[in-house]
Amino acid sequence: MIEYTEKKRFKPEDIDYIFHVARAPEAHYRSRIFKSLMNSPTVYTAWDDKRLVGLVRALDDTEMVAYVKTLVIDPEYEGQGIEEELLRHIAEKYKNFLYIDVVTDKRISPELLEKAGFHEKKDCIPEEIRNDAPYMMY
């Protein structure tokens, strides 16, 4: 059973592993990615017992805007709903923000984002945004 948490209980070797197997661009910055995650306001992780199998990171301004910057999944666990569940945690946490901008290196399908609770807004500039988050742009 997969366990999801916002507690930053991961170790540097967990982060090295997940970014390496997911072939994430950040894997080339081993000395920096762990510190970056520890200092990020929101990191949800997915664990299969003691194995880190998924991670999503969001950055925010504390009131209006959040950015989903990182989403990595162990390829052995793809297709099991882990991405959707991690994104659902982000959508829930930031539901009162004006918008959530998805800017990950990984291409995320609009269908997956919608299943996780995101809604696309088109032709919107910041002055026109209404408080009916979550908001995403692609």
C-alpha atoms as a PDB file:
ATOM      1  CA  MET A   1       0.000   0.000   0.000  1.00  0.00           C
ATOM      2  CA  ILE A   2       1.345   3.434  -0.964  1.00  0.00           C
ATOM      3  CA  GLU A   3       1.642   5.993   1.830  1.00  0.00           C
ATOM      4  CA  TYR A   4       1.504   9.730   1.033  1.00  0.00           C
ATOM      5  CA  THR A   5       2.997  12.371   3.311  1.00  0.00           C
ATOM      6  CA  GLU A   6       4.063  15.997   3.412  1.00  0.00           C
ATOM      7  CA  LYS A   7       6.665  15.194   6.073  1.00  0.00           C
ATOM      8  CA  LYS A   8      10.162  15.591   4.683  1.00  0.00           C
ATOM      9  CA  ARG A   9      11.435  12.264   5.948  1.00  0.00           C
ATOM     10  CA  PHE A  10      13.447  11.507   2.826  1.00  0.00           C
ATOM     11  CA  LYS A  11      17.234  11.206   2.892  1.00  0.00           C
ATOM     12  CA  PRO A  12      19.721  12.350   0.230  1.00  0.00           C
ATOM     13  CA  GLU A  13      20.037   8.783  -1.077  1.00  0.00           C
ATOM     14  CA  ASP A  14      16.224   8.568  -1.507  1.00  0.00           C
ATOM     15  CA  ILE A  15      16.274  11.731  -3.596  1.00  0.00           C
ATOM     16  CA  ASP A  16      19.282  10.565  -5.629  1.00  0.00           C
ATOM     17  CA  TYR A  17      17.474   7.312  -6.394  1.00  0.00           C
ATOM     18  CA  ILE A  18      14.078   8.721  -7.427  1.00  0.00           C
ATOM     19  CA  PHE A  19      15.513  11.491  -9.604  1.00  0.00           C
ATOM     20  CA  HIS A  20      17.926   9.039 -11.251  1.00  0.00           C
ATOM     21  CA  VAL A  21      15.369   6.307 -12.060  1.00  0.00           C
ATOM     22  CA  ALA A  22      12.814   8.902 -13.216  1.00  0.00           C
ATOM     23  CA  ARG A  23      15.492  10.409 -15.498  1.00  0.00           C
ATOM     24  CA  ALA A  24      14.650  13.857 -14.166  1.00  0.00           C
ATOM     25  CA  PRO A  25      16.859  16.735 -15.370  1.00  0.00           C
ATOM     26  CA  GLU A  26      17.545  17.697 -11.742  1.00  0.00           C
ATOM     27  CA  ALA A  27      19.378  14.387 -11.261  1.00  0.00           C
ATOM     28  CA  HIS A  28      22.494  16.136 -12.594  1.00  0.00           C
ATOM     29  CA  TYR A  29      22.458  18.456  -9.564  1.00  0.00           C
ATOM     30  CA  ARG A  30      22.788  15.846  -6.833  1.00  0.00           C
ATOM     31  CA  SER A  31      24.513  18.208  -4.421  1.00  0.00           C
ATOM     32  CA  ARG A  32      21.731  20.782  -4.723  1.00  0.00           C
ATOM     33  CA  ILE A  33      18.415  18.990  -5.216  1.00  0.00           C
ATOM     34  CA  PHE A  34      18.151  17.638  -1.652  1.00  0.00           C
ATOM     35  CA  LYS A  35      18.779  21.070  -0.145  1.00  0.00           C
ATOM     36  CA  SER A  36      16.321  22.608  -2.599  1.00  0.00           C
ATOM     37  CA  LEU A  37      13.587  20.162  -1.589  1.00  0.00           C
ATOM     38  CA  MET A  38      14.244  20.653   2.117  1.00  0.00           C
ATOM     39  CA  ASN A  39      13.797  24.406   1.642  1.00  0.00           C
ATOM     40  CA  SER A  40      10.713  24.165  -0.562  1.00  0.00           C
ATOM     41  CA  PRO A  41       7.401  25.044   1.102  1.00  0.00           C
ATOM     42  CA  THR A  42       5.534  21.992  -0.201  1.00  0.00           C
ATOM     43  CA  VAL A  43       6.820  18.519  -0.979  1.00  0.00           C
ATOM     44  CA  TYR A  44       4.509  15.518  -0.998  1.00  0.00           C
ATOM     45  CA  THR A  45       6.069  12.087  -1.262  1.00  0.00           C
ATOM     46  CA  ALA A  46       4.752   8.610  -2.009  1.00  0.00           C
ATOM     47  CA  TRP A  47       6.295   5.616  -0.226  1.00  0.00           C
ATOM     48  CA  ASP A  48       6.048   1.880  -0.721  1.00  0.00           C
ATOM     49  CA  ASP A  49       7.234   0.790   2.707  1.00  0.00           C
ATOM     50  CA  LYS A  50      10.680   2.456   2.938  1.00  0.00           C
ATOM     51  CA  ARG A  51      11.062   3.059  -0.789  1.00  0.00           C
ATOM     52  CA  LEU A  52      10.427   6.543  -2.180  1.00  0.00           C
ATOM     53  CA  VAL A  53       8.364   5.972  -5.342  1.00  0.00           C
ATOM     54  CA  GLY A  54       7.013   9.439  -6.134  1.00  0.00           C
ATOM     55  CA  LEU A  55       7.428  13.103  -5.313  1.00  0.00           C
ATOM     56  CA  VAL A  56       5.766  16.405  -6.180  1.00  0.00           C
ATOM     57  CA  ARG A  57       7.066  19.848  -5.235  1.00  0.00           C
ATOM     58  CA  ALA A  58       5.257  23.174  -5.295  1.00  0.00           C
ATOM     59  CA  LEU A  59       6.523  26.681  -4.668  1.00  0.00           C
ATOM     60  CA  ASP A  60       4.181  29.488  -3.613  1.00  0.00           C
ATOM     61  CA  ASP A  61       3.925  33.117  -2.572  1.00  0.00           C
ATOM     62  CA  THR A  62       1.815  32.185   0.513  1.00  0.00           C
ATOM     63  CA  GLU A  63      -1.405  33.802  -0.758  1.00  0.00           C
ATOM     64  CA  MET A  64      -2.138  33.888  -4.464  1.00  0.00           C
ATOM     65  CA  VAL A  65       0.095  31.821  -6.725  1.00  0.00           C
ATOM     66  CA  ALA A  66       1.550  28.318  -6.487  1.00  0.00           C
ATOM     67  CA  TYR A  67       3.794  26.608  -9.013  1.00  0.00           C
ATOM     68  CA  VAL A  68       4.029  22.848  -9.399  1.00  0.00           C
ATOM     69  CA  LYS A  69       7.692  22.621 -10.333  1.00  0.00           C
ATOM     70  CA  THR A  70       8.648  18.964  -9.877  1.00  0.00           C
ATOM     71  CA  LEU A  71       6.844  15.667 -10.377  1.00  0.00           C
ATOM     72  CA  VAL A  72       8.855  12.435 -10.430  1.00  0.00           C
ATOM     73  CA  ILE A  73       7.628   8.840 -10.304  1.00  0.00           C
ATOM     74  CA  ASP A  74       9.644   5.627 -10.155  1.00  0.00           C
ATOM     75  CA  PRO A  75       8.976   4.018 -13.577  1.00  0.00           C
ATOM     76  CA  GLU A  76       8.167   0.705 -11.850  1.00  0.00           C
ATOM     77  CA  TYR A  77       5.192   2.460 -10.213  1.00  0.00           C
ATOM     78  CA  GLU A  78       3.821   4.389 -13.178  1.00  0.00           C
ATOM     79  CA  GLY A  79       0.205   3.704 -14.035  1.00  0.00           C
ATOM     80  CA  GLN A  80      -0.782   3.021 -10.423  1.00  0.00           C
ATOM     81  CA  GLY A  81      -2.424   6.393  -9.753  1.00  0.00           C
ATOM     82  CA  ILE A  82       0.490   7.833  -7.780  1.00  0.00           C
ATOM     83  CA  GLU A  83       0.887  10.913 -10.000  1.00  0.00           C
ATOM     84  CA  GLU A  84      -2.815  11.662  -9.713  1.00  0.00           C
ATOM     85  CA  GLU A  85      -2.822  11.283  -5.939  1.00  0.00           C
ATOM     86  CA  LEU A  86       0.245  13.494  -5.484  1.00  0.00           C
ATOM     87  CA  LEU A  87      -1.317  16.175  -7.693  1.00  0.00           C
ATOM     88  CA  ARG A  88      -4.598  15.840  -5.787  1.00  0.00           C
ATOM     89  CA  HIS A  89      -2.722  16.747  -2.580  1.00  0.00           C
ATOM     90  CA  ILE A  90      -1.381  19.871  -4.298  1.00  0.00           C
ATOM     91  CA  ALA A  91      -4.835  20.851  -5.607  1.00  0.00           C
ATOM     92  CA  GLU A  92      -6.308  20.430  -2.124  1.00  0.00           C
ATOM     93  CA  LYS A  93      -3.574  22.369  -0.326  1.00  0.00           C
ATOM     94  CA  TYR A  94      -3.765  25.299  -2.733  1.00  0.00           C
ATOM     95  CA  LYS A  95      -7.516  25.280  -3.410  1.00  0.00           C
ATOM     96  CA  ASN A  96      -7.936  28.804  -2.033  1.00  0.00           C
ATOM     97  CA  PHE A  97      -5.114  30.306  -4.077  1.00  0.00           C
ATOM     98  CA  LEU A  98      -6.013  32.306  -7.170  1.00  0.00           C
ATOM     99  CA  TYR A  99      -4.155  29.901  -9.403  1.00  0.00           C
ATOM    100  CA  ILE A 100      -1.776  26.979  -9.593  1.00  0.00           C
ATOM    101  CA  ASP A 101       0.620  27.013 -12.518  1.00  0.00           C
ATOM    102  CA  VAL A 102       1.986  23.626 -13.622  1.00  0.00           C
ATOM    103  CA  VAL A 103       5.521  24.179 -14.939  1.00  0.00           C
ATOM    104  CA  THR A 104       7.211  20.800 -14.566  1.00  0.00           C
ATOM    105  CA  ASP A 105       9.819  19.382 -16.937  1.00  0.00           C
ATOM    106  CA  LYS A 106       7.599  16.334 -17.294  1.00  0.00           C
ATOM    107  CA  ARG A 107       4.672  16.588 -19.684  1.00  0.00           C
ATOM    108  CA  ILE A 108       1.482  16.025 -17.724  1.00  0.00           C
ATOM    109  CA  SER A 109      -1.672  15.268 -19.658  1.00  0.00           C
ATOM    110  CA  PRO A 110      -4.651  17.595 -19.253  1.00  0.00           C
ATOM    111  CA  GLU A 111      -6.787  14.529 -18.454  1.00  0.00           C
ATOM    112  CA  LEU A 112      -4.560  13.591 -15.518  1.00  0.00           C
ATOM    113  CA  LEU A 113      -4.612  17.142 -14.187  1.00  0.00           C
ATOM    114  CA  GLU A 114      -8.390  17.295 -14.421  1.00  0.00           C
ATOM    115  CA  LYS A 115      -8.746  13.934 -12.632  1.00  0.00           C
ATOM    116  CA  ALA A 116      -6.553  15.349  -9.865  1.00  0.00           C
ATOM    117  CA  GLY A 117      -8.858  18.355  -9.425  1.00  0.00           C
ATOM    118  CA  PHE A 118      -7.245  20.997 -11.633  1.00  0.00           C
ATOM    119  CA  HIS A 119      -9.250  23.147 -14.047  1.00  0.00           C
ATOM    120  CA  GLU A 120      -7.883  24.813 -17.135  1.00  0.00           C
ATOM    121  CA  LYS A 121      -8.319  28.543 -17.527  1.00  0.00           C
ATOM    122  CA  LYS A 122      -7.834  30.005 -20.985  1.00  0.00           C
ATOM    123  CA  ASP A 123      -6.981  33.534 -22.053  1.00  0.00           C
ATOM    124  CA  CYS A 124      -6.560  34.724 -18.494  1.00  0.00           C
ATOM    125  CA  ILE A 125      -4.264  37.471 -17.285  1.00  0.00           C
ATOM    126  CA  PRO A 126      -3.632  37.965 -13.549  1.00  0.00           C
ATOM    127  CA  GLU A 127      -6.038  40.921 -13.262  1.00  0.00           C
ATOM    128  CA  GLU A 128      -8.872  38.761 -14.603  1.00  0.00           C
ATOM    129  CA  ILE A 129      -8.368  35.770 -12.328  1.00  0.00           C
ATOM    130  CA  ARG A 130     -11.284  34.869 -10.105  1.00  0.00           C
ATOM    131  CA  ASN A 131     -11.061  32.933  -6.852  1.00  0.00           C
ATOM    132  CA  ASP A 132     -12.302  29.621  -8.218  1.00  0.00           C
ATOM    133  CA  ALA A 133      -9.013  27.735  -7.902  1.00  0.00           C
ATOM    134  CA  PRO A 134      -7.374  25.395  -8.582  1.00  0.00           C
ATOM    135  CA  TYR A 135      -5.965  26.977 -11.705  1.00  0.00           C
ATOM    136  CA  MET A 136      -3.485  25.583 -14.159  1.00  0.00           C
ATOM    137  CA  MET A 137      -1.917  26.709 -17.371  1.00  0.00           C
ATOM    138  CA  TYR A 138      -0.531  24.524 -20.142  1.00  0.00           C
END
